[in-house]
Amino acid sequence: LPSRGTIAVVADHDGAIFAMVRTRDGDPPERKPALNTFL
């Protein structure tokens, strides 16, 4: 994907779905999770 990077959507051995990504320009900076954000 031109803006996001390379991505694939997969399911594990038991069917749980997730995606894998190699971002185009690098991942977001790693920060301590703020309130009301993903933990």
PDB file of all heavy atoms in Angstrom:
ATOM      1  N   LEU A   1       0.861  -1.172   0.000  1.00  0.00           N
ATOM      2  CA  LEU A   1       0.000   0.000   0.000  1.00  0.00           C
ATOM      3  C   LEU A   1       0.903   1.230   0.000  1.00  0.00           C
ATOM      4  O   LEU A   1       1.753   1.373   0.882  1.00  0.00           O
ATOM      5  CB  LEU A   1      -0.908   0.009   1.226  1.00  0.00           C
ATOM      6  CG  LEU A   1      -1.814  -1.222   1.384  1.00  0.00           C
ATOM      7  CD1 LEU A   1      -2.636  -1.121   2.656  1.00  0.00           C
ATOM      8  CD2 LEU A   1      -2.723  -1.381   0.177  1.00  0.00           C
ATOM      9  N   PRO A   2       0.770   2.120  -0.978  1.00  0.00           N
ATOM     10  CA  PRO A   2       1.748   3.198  -1.165  1.00  0.00           C
ATOM     11  C   PRO A   2       2.015   4.035   0.071  1.00  0.00           C
ATOM     12  O   PRO A   2       3.155   4.418   0.326  1.00  0.00           O
ATOM     13  CB  PRO A   2       1.111   4.046  -2.281  1.00  0.00           C
ATOM     14  CG  PRO A   2       0.257   3.088  -3.043  1.00  0.00           C
ATOM     15  CD  PRO A   2      -0.277   2.129  -2.018  1.00  0.00           C
ATOM     16  N   SER A   3       0.988   4.345   0.847  1.00  0.00           N
ATOM     17  CA  SER A   3       1.166   5.239   1.993  1.00  0.00           C
ATOM     18  C   SER A   3       1.479   4.495   3.284  1.00  0.00           C
ATOM     19  O   SER A   3       2.238   4.993   4.119  1.00  0.00           O
ATOM     20  CB  SER A   3      -0.089   6.097   2.192  1.00  0.00           C
ATOM     21  OG  SER A   3      -0.347   6.882   1.047  1.00  0.00           O
ATOM     22  N   ARG A   4       0.908   3.325   3.472  1.00  0.00           N
ATOM     23  CA  ARG A   4       1.058   2.622   4.753  1.00  0.00           C
ATOM     24  C   ARG A   4       2.272   1.707   4.773  1.00  0.00           C
ATOM     25  O   ARG A   4       2.958   1.607   5.785  1.00  0.00           O
ATOM     26  CB  ARG A   4      -0.204   1.831   5.076  1.00  0.00           C
ATOM     27  CG  ARG A   4      -0.139   1.091   6.410  1.00  0.00           C
ATOM     28  CD  ARG A   4      -1.506   0.750   6.966  1.00  0.00           C
ATOM     29  NE  ARG A   4      -2.266   1.950   7.286  1.00  0.00           N
ATOM     30  CZ  ARG A   4      -3.449   1.939   7.904  1.00  0.00           C
ATOM     31  NH1 ARG A   4      -4.008   0.785   8.248  1.00  0.00           N
ATOM     32  NH2 ARG A   4      -4.090   3.065   8.171  1.00  0.00           N
ATOM     33  N   GLY A   5       2.522   0.984   3.714  1.00  0.00           N
ATOM     34  CA  GLY A   5       3.599   0.006   3.687  1.00  0.00           C
ATOM     35  C   GLY A   5       3.089  -1.328   3.196  1.00  0.00           C
ATOM     36  O   GLY A   5       2.094  -1.396   2.472  1.00  0.00           O
ATOM     37  N   THR A   6       3.754  -2.400   3.575  1.00  0.00           N
ATOM     38  CA  THR A   6       3.357  -3.753   3.167  1.00  0.00           C
ATOM     39  C   THR A   6       2.561  -4.403   4.286  1.00  0.00           C
ATOM     40  O   THR A   6       2.969  -4.373   5.453  1.00  0.00           O
ATOM     41  CB  THR A   6       4.586  -4.602   2.841  1.00  0.00           C
ATOM     42  OG1 THR A   6       5.369  -3.934   1.853  1.00  0.00           O
ATOM     43  CG2 THR A   6       4.178  -5.967   2.309  1.00  0.00           C
ATOM     44  N   ILE A   7       1.444  -5.006   3.936  1.00  0.00           N
ATOM     45  CA  ILE A   7       0.547  -5.566   4.944  1.00  0.00           C
ATOM     46  C   ILE A   7      -0.013  -6.899   4.454  1.00  0.00           C
ATOM     47  O   ILE A   7      -0.180  -7.128   3.252  1.00  0.00           O
ATOM     48  CB  ILE A   7      -0.594  -4.576   5.260  1.00  0.00           C
ATOM     49  CG1 ILE A   7      -1.439  -5.060   6.450  1.00  0.00           C
ATOM     50  CG2 ILE A   7      -1.457  -4.318   4.045  1.00  0.00           C
ATOM     51  CD1 ILE A   7      -2.381  -4.000   6.994  1.00  0.00           C
ATOM     52  N   ALA A   8      -0.267  -7.784   5.389  1.00  0.00           N
ATOM     53  CA  ALA A   8      -0.957  -9.048   5.109  1.00  0.00           C
ATOM     54  C   ALA A   8      -1.940  -9.305   6.235  1.00  0.00           C
ATOM     55  O   ALA A   8      -1.695  -8.920   7.388  1.00  0.00           O
ATOM     56  CB  ALA A   8       0.039 -10.205   4.993  1.00  0.00           C
ATOM     57  N   VAL A   9      -3.045  -9.930   5.918  1.00  0.00           N
ATOM     58  CA  VAL A   9      -4.035 -10.328   6.923  1.00  0.00           C
ATOM     59  C   VAL A   9      -4.033 -11.845   6.993  1.00  0.00           C
ATOM     60  O   VAL A   9      -4.119 -12.527   5.965  1.00  0.00           O
ATOM     61  CB  VAL A   9      -5.436  -9.802   6.576  1.00  0.00           C
ATOM     62  CG1 VAL A   9      -6.445 -10.230   7.635  1.00  0.00           C
ATOM     63  CG2 VAL A   9      -5.412  -8.274   6.453  1.00  0.00           C
ATOM     64  N   VAL A  10      -3.923 -12.377   8.208  1.00  0.00           N
ATOM     65  CA  VAL A  10      -3.787 -13.816   8.388  1.00  0.00           C
ATOM     66  C   VAL A  10      -4.684 -14.295   9.533  1.00  0.00           C
ATOM     67  O   VAL A  10      -5.234 -13.492  10.287  1.00  0.00           O
ATOM     68  CB  VAL A  10      -2.318 -14.201   8.688  1.00  0.00           C
ATOM     69  CG1 VAL A  10      -1.406 -13.768   7.551  1.00  0.00           C
ATOM     70  CG2 VAL A  10      -1.851 -13.590  10.008  1.00  0.00           C
ATOM     71  N   ALA A  11      -4.797 -15.592   9.648  1.00  0.00           N
ATOM     72  CA  ALA A  11      -5.453 -16.218  10.797  1.00  0.00           C
ATOM     73  C   ALA A  11      -4.478 -17.223  11.392  1.00  0.00           C
ATOM     74  O   ALA A  11      -3.737 -17.886  10.658  1.00  0.00           O
ATOM     75  CB  ALA A  11      -6.743 -16.918  10.377  1.00  0.00           C
ATOM     76  N   ASP A  12      -4.469 -17.312  12.707  1.00  0.00           N
ATOM     77  CA  ASP A  12      -3.557 -18.265  13.332  1.00  0.00           C
ATOM     78  C   ASP A  12      -4.073 -19.689  13.164  1.00  0.00           C
ATOM     79  O   ASP A  12      -5.080 -19.934  12.479  1.00  0.00           O
ATOM     80  CB  ASP A  12      -3.273 -17.893  14.791  1.00  0.00           C
ATOM     81  CG  ASP A  12      -4.474 -18.057  15.722  1.00  0.00           C
ATOM     82  OD1 ASP A  12      -5.448 -18.736  15.339  1.00  0.00           O
ATOM     83  OD2 ASP A  12      -4.428 -17.501  16.833  1.00  0.00           O
ATOM     84  N   HIS A  13      -3.402 -20.646  13.762  1.00  0.00           N
ATOM     85  CA  HIS A  13      -3.738 -22.069  13.604  1.00  0.00           C
ATOM     86  C   HIS A  13      -5.158 -22.381  14.050  1.00  0.00           C
ATOM     87  O   HIS A  13      -5.737 -23.396  13.659  1.00  0.00           O
ATOM     88  CB  HIS A  13      -2.764 -22.898  14.437  1.00  0.00           C
ATOM     89  CG  HIS A  13      -2.941 -22.673  15.908  1.00  0.00           C
ATOM     90  ND1 HIS A  13      -2.660 -21.461  16.499  1.00  0.00           N
ATOM     91  CD2 HIS A  13      -3.404 -23.490  16.886  1.00  0.00           C
ATOM     92  CE1 HIS A  13      -2.937 -21.550  17.796  1.00  0.00           C
ATOM     93  NE2 HIS A  13      -3.383 -22.754  18.054  1.00  0.00           N
ATOM     94  N   ASP A  14      -5.750 -21.498  14.876  1.00  0.00           N
ATOM     95  CA  ASP A  14      -7.068 -21.743  15.448  1.00  0.00           C
ATOM     96  C   ASP A  14      -8.123 -20.786  14.908  1.00  0.00           C
ATOM     97  O   ASP A  14      -9.257 -20.804  15.355  1.00  0.00           O
ATOM     98  CB  ASP A  14      -6.978 -21.611  16.967  1.00  0.00           C
ATOM     99  CG  ASP A  14      -7.789 -22.660  17.693  1.00  0.00           C
ATOM    100  OD1 ASP A  14      -8.303 -23.580  17.027  1.00  0.00           O
ATOM    101  OD2 ASP A  14      -7.918 -22.556  18.925  1.00  0.00           O
ATOM    102  N   GLY A  15      -7.730 -19.900  13.971  1.00  0.00           N
ATOM    103  CA  GLY A  15      -8.700 -19.028  13.316  1.00  0.00           C
ATOM    104  C   GLY A  15      -8.743 -17.594  13.783  1.00  0.00           C
ATOM    105  O   GLY A  15      -9.515 -16.805  13.227  1.00  0.00           O
ATOM    106  N   ALA A  16      -7.946 -17.211  14.787  1.00  0.00           N
ATOM    107  CA  ALA A  16      -7.952 -15.828  15.246  1.00  0.00           C
ATOM    108  C   ALA A  16      -7.271 -14.929  14.210  1.00  0.00           C
ATOM    109  O   ALA A  16      -6.161 -15.216  13.767  1.00  0.00           O
ATOM    110  CB  ALA A  16      -7.240 -15.708  16.595  1.00  0.00           C
ATOM    111  N   ILE A  17      -7.931 -13.832  13.835  1.00  0.00           N
ATOM    112  CA  ILE A  17      -7.484 -12.973  12.746  1.00  0.00           C
ATOM    113  C   ILE A  17      -6.634 -11.827  13.272  1.00  0.00           C
ATOM    114  O   ILE A  17      -6.943 -11.213  14.294  1.00  0.00           O
ATOM    115  CB  ILE A  17      -8.700 -12.427  11.976  1.00  0.00           C
ATOM    116  CG1 ILE A  17      -9.435 -13.563  11.266  1.00  0.00           C
ATOM    117  CG2 ILE A  17      -8.287 -11.359  10.966  1.00  0.00           C
ATOM    118  CD1 ILE A  17     -10.736 -13.140  10.628  1.00  0.00           C
ATOM    119  N   PHE A  18      -5.550 -11.533  12.558  1.00  0.00           N
ATOM    120  CA  PHE A  18      -4.739 -10.358  12.843  1.00  0.00           C
ATOM    121  C   PHE A  18      -4.017  -9.957  11.566  1.00  0.00           C
ATOM    122  O   PHE A  18      -4.024 -10.685  10.578  1.00  0.00           O
ATOM    123  CB  PHE A  18      -3.743 -10.612  13.990  1.00  0.00           C
ATOM    124  CG  PHE A  18      -2.712 -11.683  13.713  1.00  0.00           C
ATOM    125  CD1 PHE A  18      -1.423 -11.358  13.327  1.00  0.00           C
ATOM    126  CD2 PHE A  18      -3.032 -13.032  13.855  1.00  0.00           C
ATOM    127  CE1 PHE A  18      -0.462 -12.335  13.086  1.00  0.00           C
ATOM    128  CE2 PHE A  18      -2.099 -14.017  13.612  1.00  0.00           C
ATOM    129  CZ  PHE A  18      -0.798 -13.676  13.229  1.00  0.00           C
ATOM    130  N   ALA A  19      -3.407  -8.780  11.586  1.00  0.00           N
ATOM    131  CA  ALA A  19      -2.645  -8.298  10.434  1.00  0.00           C
ATOM    132  C   ALA A  19      -1.174  -8.190  10.797  1.00  0.00           C
ATOM    133  O   ALA A  19      -0.817  -8.102  11.981  1.00  0.00           O
ATOM    134  CB  ALA A  19      -3.179  -6.941   9.969  1.00  0.00           C
ATOM    135  N   MET A  20      -0.329  -8.190   9.794  1.00  0.00           N
ATOM    136  CA  MET A  20       1.109  -7.973   9.956  1.00  0.00           C
ATOM    137  C   MET A  20       1.516  -6.860   9.006  1.00  0.00           C
ATOM    138  O   MET A  20       1.056  -6.818   7.865  1.00  0.00           O
ATOM    139  CB  MET A  20       1.892  -9.256   9.655  1.00  0.00           C
ATOM    140  CG  MET A  20       1.477 -10.429  10.527  1.00  0.00           C
ATOM    141  SD  MET A  20       2.425 -11.936  10.204  1.00  0.00           S
ATOM    142  CE  MET A  20       1.952 -12.280   8.512  1.00  0.00           C
ATOM    143  N   VAL A  21       2.364  -5.952   9.481  1.00  0.00           N
ATOM    144  CA  VAL A  21       2.698  -4.787   8.676  1.00  0.00           C
ATOM    145  C   VAL A  21       4.183  -4.450   8.786  1.00  0.00           C
ATOM    146  O   VAL A  21       4.783  -4.597   9.854  1.00  0.00           O
ATOM    147  CB  VAL A  21       1.847  -3.564   9.100  1.00  0.00           C
ATOM    148  CG1 VAL A  21       2.107  -3.166  10.541  1.00  0.00           C
ATOM    149  CG2 VAL A  21       2.076  -2.368   8.170  1.00  0.00           C
ATOM    150  N   ARG A  22       4.756  -4.047   7.671  1.00  0.00           N
ATOM    151  CA  ARG A  22       6.061  -3.381   7.654  1.00  0.00           C
ATOM    152  C   ARG A  22       5.783  -1.978   7.151  1.00  0.00           C
ATOM    153  O   ARG A  22       5.499  -1.775   5.962  1.00  0.00           O
ATOM    154  CB  ARG A  22       7.064  -4.092   6.751  1.00  0.00           C
ATOM    155  CG  ARG A  22       8.425  -3.362   6.669  1.00  0.00           C
ATOM    156  CD  ARG A  22       9.429  -4.094   5.804  1.00  0.00           C
ATOM    157  NE  ARG A  22      10.611  -3.276   5.539  1.00  0.00           N
ATOM    158  CZ  ARG A  22      11.669  -3.188   6.340  1.00  0.00           C
ATOM    159  NH1 ARG A  22      11.684  -3.878   7.472  1.00  0.00           N
ATOM    160  NH2 ARG A  22      12.693  -2.414   6.028  1.00  0.00           N
ATOM    161  N   THR A  23       5.810  -1.022   8.059  1.00  0.00           N
ATOM    162  CA  THR A  23       5.451   0.346   7.711  1.00  0.00           C
ATOM    163  C   THR A  23       6.447   0.935   6.718  1.00  0.00           C
ATOM    164  O   THR A  23       7.624   0.568   6.714  1.00  0.00           O
ATOM    165  CB  THR A  23       5.393   1.217   8.972  1.00  0.00           C
ATOM    166  OG1 THR A  23       6.600   1.040   9.713  1.00  0.00           O
ATOM    167  CG2 THR A  23       4.214   0.839   9.836  1.00  0.00           C
ATOM    168  N   ARG A  24       5.978   1.857   5.912  1.00  0.00           N
ATOM    169  CA  ARG A  24       6.808   2.424   4.855  1.00  0.00           C
ATOM    170  C   ARG A  24       7.999   3.199   5.422  1.00  0.00           C
ATOM    171  O   ARG A  24       9.133   3.047   4.964  1.00  0.00           O
ATOM    172  CB  ARG A  24       5.962   3.345   3.973  1.00  0.00           C
ATOM    173  CG  ARG A  24       6.679   3.804   2.706  1.00  0.00           C
ATOM    174  CD  ARG A  24       5.902   4.886   1.995  1.00  0.00           C
ATOM    175  NE  ARG A  24       5.853   6.122   2.802  1.00  0.00           N
ATOM    176  CZ  ARG A  24       5.269   7.246   2.403  1.00  0.00           C
ATOM    177  NH1 ARG A  24       4.663   7.290   1.234  1.00  0.00           N
ATOM    178  NH2 ARG A  24       5.277   8.317   3.170  1.00  0.00           N
ATOM    179  N   ASP A  25       7.741   4.041   6.419  1.00  0.00           N
ATOM    180  CA  ASP A  25       8.784   4.937   6.922  1.00  0.00           C
ATOM    181  C   ASP A  25       9.195   4.653   8.368  1.00  0.00           C
ATOM    182  O   ASP A  25       9.969   5.419   8.950  1.00  0.00           O
ATOM    183  CB  ASP A  25       8.313   6.393   6.826  1.00  0.00           C
ATOM    184  CG  ASP A  25       8.036   6.805   5.387  1.00  0.00           C
ATOM    185  OD1 ASP A  25       8.854   6.453   4.506  1.00  0.00           O
ATOM    186  OD2 ASP A  25       7.006   7.459   5.149  1.00  0.00           O
ATOM    187  N   GLY A  26       8.693   3.590   8.957  1.00  0.00           N
ATOM    188  CA  GLY A  26       9.013   3.274  10.343  1.00  0.00           C
ATOM    189  C   GLY A  26       7.780   3.297  11.218  1.00  0.00           C
ATOM    190  O   GLY A  26       6.745   3.890  10.870  1.00  0.00           O
ATOM    191  N   ASP A  27       7.872   2.646  12.362  1.00  0.00           N
ATOM    192  CA  ASP A  27       6.739   2.526  13.279  1.00  0.00           C
ATOM    193  C   ASP A  27       6.560   3.795  14.110  1.00  0.00           C
ATOM    194  O   ASP A  27       7.488   4.615  14.221  1.00  0.00           O
ATOM    195  CB  ASP A  27       6.955   1.331  14.214  1.00  0.00           C
ATOM    196  CG  ASP A  27       6.933   0.014  13.459  1.00  0.00           C
ATOM    197  OD1 ASP A  27       6.377  -0.026  12.348  1.00  0.00           O
ATOM    198  OD2 ASP A  27       7.473  -0.980  13.990  1.00  0.00           O
ATOM    199  N   PRO A  28       5.383   3.944  14.724  1.00  0.00           N
ATOM    200  CA  PRO A  28       5.176   5.100  15.612  1.00  0.00           C
ATOM    201  C   PRO A  28       6.150   5.045  16.788  1.00  0.00           C
ATOM    202  O   PRO A  28       6.565   3.971  17.217  1.00  0.00           O
ATOM    203  CB  PRO A  28       3.732   4.918  16.100  1.00  0.00           C
ATOM    204  CG  PRO A  28       3.098   3.982  15.126  1.00  0.00           C
ATOM    205  CD  PRO A  28       4.189   3.091  14.630  1.00  0.00           C
ATOM    206  N   PRO A  29       6.522   6.213  17.325  1.00  0.00           N
ATOM    207  CA  PRO A  29       7.367   6.212  18.528  1.00  0.00           C
ATOM    208  C   PRO A  29       6.680   5.447  19.654  1.00  0.00           C
ATOM    209  O   PRO A  29       5.456   5.471  19.774  1.00  0.00           O
ATOM    210  CB  PRO A  29       7.492   7.708  18.865  1.00  0.00           C
ATOM    211  CG  PRO A  29       7.167   8.424  17.598  1.00  0.00           C
ATOM    212  CD  PRO A  29       6.187   7.569  16.867  1.00  0.00           C
ATOM    213  N   GLU A  30       7.477   4.785  20.467  1.00  0.00           N
ATOM    214  CA  GLU A  30       6.908   4.004  21.564  1.00  0.00           C
ATOM    215  C   GLU A  30       6.769   4.889  22.796  1.00  0.00           C
ATOM    216  O   GLU A  30       7.731   5.491  23.266  1.00  0.00           O
ATOM    217  CB  GLU A  30       7.792   2.794  21.872  1.00  0.00           C
ATOM    218  CG  GLU A  30       7.123   1.792  22.773  1.00  0.00           C
ATOM    219  CD  GLU A  30       7.708   0.400  22.611  1.00  0.00           C
ATOM    220  OE1 GLU A  30       8.745   0.258  21.930  1.00  0.00           O
ATOM    221  OE2 GLU A  30       7.116  -0.536  23.165  1.00  0.00           O
ATOM    222  N   ARG A  31       5.531   4.975  23.291  1.00  0.00           N
ATOM    223  CA  ARG A  31       5.233   5.803  24.451  1.00  0.00           C
ATOM    224  C   ARG A  31       4.451   5.004  25.483  1.00  0.00           C
ATOM    225  O   ARG A  31       3.801   4.009  25.155  1.00  0.00           O
ATOM    226  CB  ARG A  31       4.411   7.029  24.048  1.00  0.00           C
ATOM    227  CG  ARG A  31       5.080   7.957  23.040  1.00  0.00           C
ATOM    228  CD  ARG A  31       4.199   9.172  22.784  1.00  0.00           C
ATOM    229  NE  ARG A  31       4.829  10.141  21.884  1.00  0.00           N
ATOM    230  CZ  ARG A  31       4.623  10.188  20.592  1.00  0.00           C
ATOM    231  NH1 ARG A  31       3.811   9.304  20.012  1.00  0.00           N
ATOM    232  NH2 ARG A  31       5.215  11.094  19.838  1.00  0.00           N
ATOM    233  N   LYS A  32       4.477   5.476  26.719  1.00  0.00           N
ATOM    234  CA  LYS A  32       3.645   4.872  27.757  1.00  0.00           C
ATOM    235  C   LYS A  32       2.178   5.110  27.391  1.00  0.00           C
ATOM    236  O   LYS A  32       1.803   6.218  27.011  1.00  0.00           O
ATOM    237  CB  LYS A  32       3.949   5.500  29.109  1.00  0.00           C
ATOM    238  CG  LYS A  32       3.175   4.885  30.271  1.00  0.00           C
ATOM    239  CD  LYS A  32       3.539   5.540  31.587  1.00  0.00           C
ATOM    240  CE  LYS A  32       4.985   5.261  31.946  1.00  0.00           C
ATOM    241  NZ  LYS A  32       5.326   5.786  33.299  1.00  0.00           N
ATOM    242  N   PRO A  33       1.326   4.084  27.479  1.00  0.00           N
ATOM    243  CA  PRO A  33      -0.080   4.254  27.079  1.00  0.00           C
ATOM    244  C   PRO A  33      -0.775   5.326  27.908  1.00  0.00           C
ATOM    245  O   PRO A  33      -0.802   5.257  29.139  1.00  0.00           O
ATOM    246  CB  PRO A  33      -0.698   2.874  27.334  1.00  0.00           C
ATOM    247  CG  PRO A  33       0.455   1.927  27.331  1.00  0.00           C
ATOM    248  CD  PRO A  33       1.613   2.694  27.890  1.00  0.00           C
ATOM    249  N   ALA A  34      -1.335   6.322  27.235  1.00  0.00           N
ATOM    250  CA  ALA A  34      -2.083   7.370  27.915  1.00  0.00           C
ATOM    251  C   ALA A  34      -3.491   6.868  28.230  1.00  0.00           C
ATOM    252  O   ALA A  34      -3.979   5.897  27.644  1.00  0.00           O
ATOM    253  CB  ALA A  34      -2.161   8.619  27.031  1.00  0.00           C
ATOM    254  N   LEU A  35      -4.153   7.534  29.160  1.00  0.00           N
ATOM    255  CA  LEU A  35      -5.549   7.202  29.445  1.00  0.00           C
ATOM    256  C   LEU A  35      -6.376   7.334  28.177  1.00  0.00           C
ATOM    257  O   LEU A  35      -6.167   8.234  27.354  1.00  0.00           O
ATOM    258  CB  LEU A  35      -6.112   8.123  30.527  1.00  0.00           C
ATOM    259  CG  LEU A  35      -5.715   7.806  31.972  1.00  0.00           C
ATOM    260  CD1 LEU A  35      -6.174   8.932  32.894  1.00  0.00           C
ATOM    261  CD2 LEU A  35      -6.306   6.480  32.416  1.00  0.00           C
ATOM    262  N   ASN A  36      -7.307   6.393  28.008  1.00  0.00           N
ATOM    263  CA  ASN A  36      -8.244   6.373  26.888  1.00  0.00           C
ATOM    264  C   ASN A  36      -7.567   6.081  25.551  1.00  0.00           C
ATOM    265  O   ASN A  36      -8.075   6.447  24.490  1.00  0.00           O
ATOM    266  CB  ASN A  36      -9.035   7.681  26.814  1.00  0.00           C
ATOM    267  CG  ASN A  36      -9.886   7.907  28.054  1.00  0.00           C
ATOM    268  OD1 ASN A  36     -10.443   6.964  28.605  1.00  0.00           O
ATOM    269  ND2 ASN A  36      -9.965   9.141  28.504  1.00  0.00           N
ATOM    270  N   THR A  37      -6.398   5.415  25.608  1.00  0.00           N
ATOM    271  CA  THR A  37      -5.747   4.911  24.401  1.00  0.00           C
ATOM    272  C   THR A  37      -5.473   3.424  24.575  1.00  0.00           C
ATOM    273  O   THR A  37      -5.678   2.856  25.650  1.00  0.00           O
ATOM    274  CB  THR A  37      -4.439   5.652  24.101  1.00  0.00           C
ATOM    275  OG1 THR A  37      -3.481   5.367  25.129  1.00  0.00           O
ATOM    276  CG2 THR A  37      -4.661   7.151  24.019  1.00  0.00           C
ATOM    277  N   PHE A  38      -4.979   2.788  23.521  1.00  0.00           N
ATOM    278  CA  PHE A  38      -4.750   1.351  23.561  1.00  0.00           C
ATOM    279  C   PHE A  38      -3.641   1.008  24.551  1.00  0.00           C
ATOM    280  O   PHE A  38      -2.555   1.597  24.538  1.00  0.00           O
ATOM    281  CB  PHE A  38      -4.407   0.818  22.171  1.00  0.00           C
ATOM    282  CG  PHE A  38      -5.595   0.810  21.251  1.00  0.00           C
ATOM    283  CD1 PHE A  38      -5.809   1.846  20.352  1.00  0.00           C
ATOM    284  CD2 PHE A  38      -6.513  -0.235  21.299  1.00  0.00           C
ATOM    285  CE1 PHE A  38      -6.917   1.847  19.523  1.00  0.00           C
ATOM    286  CE2 PHE A  38      -7.626  -0.242  20.466  1.00  0.00           C
ATOM    287  CZ  PHE A  38      -7.824   0.805  19.572  1.00  0.00           C
ATOM    288  N   LEU A  39      -3.944   0.038  25.388  1.00  0.00           N
ATOM    289  CA  LEU A  39      -3.044  -0.372  26.468  1.00  0.00           C
ATOM    290  C   LEU A  39      -2.393  -1.715  26.197  1.00  0.00           C
ATOM    291  O   LEU A  39      -1.191  -1.900  26.421  1.00  0.00           O
ATOM    292  CB  LEU A  39      -3.841  -0.448  27.781  1.00  0.00           C
ATOM    293  CG  LEU A  39      -3.167  -1.128  28.969  1.00  0.00           C
ATOM    294  CD1 LEU A  39      -2.032  -0.272  29.496  1.00  0.00           C
ATOM    295  CD2 LEU A  39      -4.187  -1.408  30.076  1.00  0.00           C
TER     296      LEU A  39
END
